[in-house]
Amino acid sequence: REEATAAGLNNLRFDVQDAESLDLGSEPHFDALVSRWGLMFCLDPVATLQNAKRWLRPGGHLAAAVWCPPEDVP
């Protein structure tokens, strides 16, 4: 948040929440979603991604990074 403010980026929203149970309603809210090392810890990553898709506006993007396949996550 501090870096975004320092860079003059005032149209960003930062949330830390549980992606598996987050309910933002049915209307798309975001142009982009980013998950850094979060998706691999979801009990149901497919359902989580389906939920995230509802939050993206048409043409929106999702960027996700994971360490390894689910069976290898410590």
Protein backbone atom coordinates (compact mmCIF):
# COMPACT_ATOMS: atom_id res chain seq x y z
CA ARG A 1 0.00 0.00 0.00
CA GLU A 2 2.81 2.35 0.89
CA GLU A 3 4.60 1.70 -2.40
CA ALA A 4 1.39 2.22 -4.38
CA THR A 5 0.73 5.50 -2.59
CA ALA A 6 4.31 6.64 -3.14
CA ALA A 7 3.95 5.81 -6.84
CA GLY A 8 0.75 7.86 -7.07
CA LEU A 9 -1.43 4.81 -7.69
CA ASN A 10 -4.68 5.72 -5.96
CA ASN A 11 -7.03 3.46 -7.92
CA LEU A 12 -5.91 0.20 -6.30
CA ARG A 13 -7.61 -1.84 -3.64
CA PHE A 14 -5.72 -4.23 -1.38
CA ASP A 15 -7.58 -6.93 0.53
CA VAL A 16 -6.38 -9.91 2.52
CA GLN A 17 -9.24 -12.38 2.86
CA ASP A 18 -10.12 -16.05 2.60
CA ALA A 19 -10.50 -16.68 -1.14
CA GLU A 20 -12.48 -19.88 -0.61
CA SER A 21 -15.31 -18.21 1.30
CA LEU A 22 -15.11 -14.62 0.12
CA ASP A 23 -18.44 -13.35 -1.16
CA LEU A 24 -18.35 -10.10 -3.08
CA GLY A 25 -21.75 -10.61 -4.62
CA SER A 26 -22.49 -11.58 -8.20
CA GLU A 27 -21.40 -8.37 -9.93
CA PRO A 28 -17.84 -8.27 -11.34
CA HIS A 29 -15.64 -5.84 -9.40
CA PHE A 30 -12.07 -6.19 -10.61
CA ASP A 31 -10.00 -5.77 -13.76
CA ALA A 32 -7.28 -8.00 -12.30
CA LEU A 33 -6.74 -10.44 -9.44
CA VAL A 34 -3.37 -11.56 -8.12
CA SER A 35 -2.64 -14.62 -5.98
CA ARG A 36 0.93 -15.12 -4.85
CA TRP A 37 1.37 -18.51 -3.20
CA GLY A 38 -2.25 -18.59 -2.02
CA LEU A 39 -4.06 -20.83 -4.48
CA MET A 40 -1.98 -23.88 -3.63
CA PHE A 41 -3.26 -23.78 -0.03
CA CYS A 42 -6.95 -23.79 -0.99
CA LEU A 43 -8.81 -26.99 -0.16
CA ASP A 44 -10.70 -26.70 -3.45
CA PRO A 45 -8.64 -24.62 -5.90
CA VAL A 46 -11.05 -25.24 -8.79
CA ALA A 47 -14.00 -23.86 -6.81
CA THR A 48 -11.85 -20.96 -5.66
CA LEU A 49 -10.96 -20.10 -9.26
CA GLN A 50 -14.59 -20.39 -10.32
CA ASN A 51 -15.51 -17.99 -7.52
CA ALA A 52 -12.74 -15.60 -8.55
CA LYS A 53 -13.96 -15.63 -12.15
CA ARG A 54 -17.27 -14.11 -10.96
CA TRP A 55 -15.39 -11.13 -9.53
CA LEU A 56 -13.53 -10.31 -12.76
CA ARG A 57 -14.98 -7.85 -15.21
CA PRO A 58 -15.19 -9.04 -18.85
CA GLY A 59 -11.67 -9.15 -20.24
CA GLY A 60 -10.21 -9.23 -16.71
CA HIS A 61 -7.03 -11.11 -15.83
CA LEU A 62 -5.93 -13.47 -13.08
CA ALA A 63 -2.26 -13.97 -12.22
CA ALA A 64 -1.41 -16.82 -9.87
CA ALA A 65 1.89 -18.28 -8.70
CA VAL A 66 2.38 -21.55 -6.83
CA TRP A 67 5.47 -23.42 -5.63
CA CYS A 68 4.53 -26.85 -6.89
CA PRO A 69 1.66 -29.28 -7.49
CA PRO A 70 -0.80 -29.63 -4.57
CA GLU A 71 0.56 -33.03 -3.51
CA ASP A 72 4.01 -31.50 -2.99
CA VAL A 73 2.96 -28.41 -1.01
CA PRO A 74 4.47 -28.55 2.50
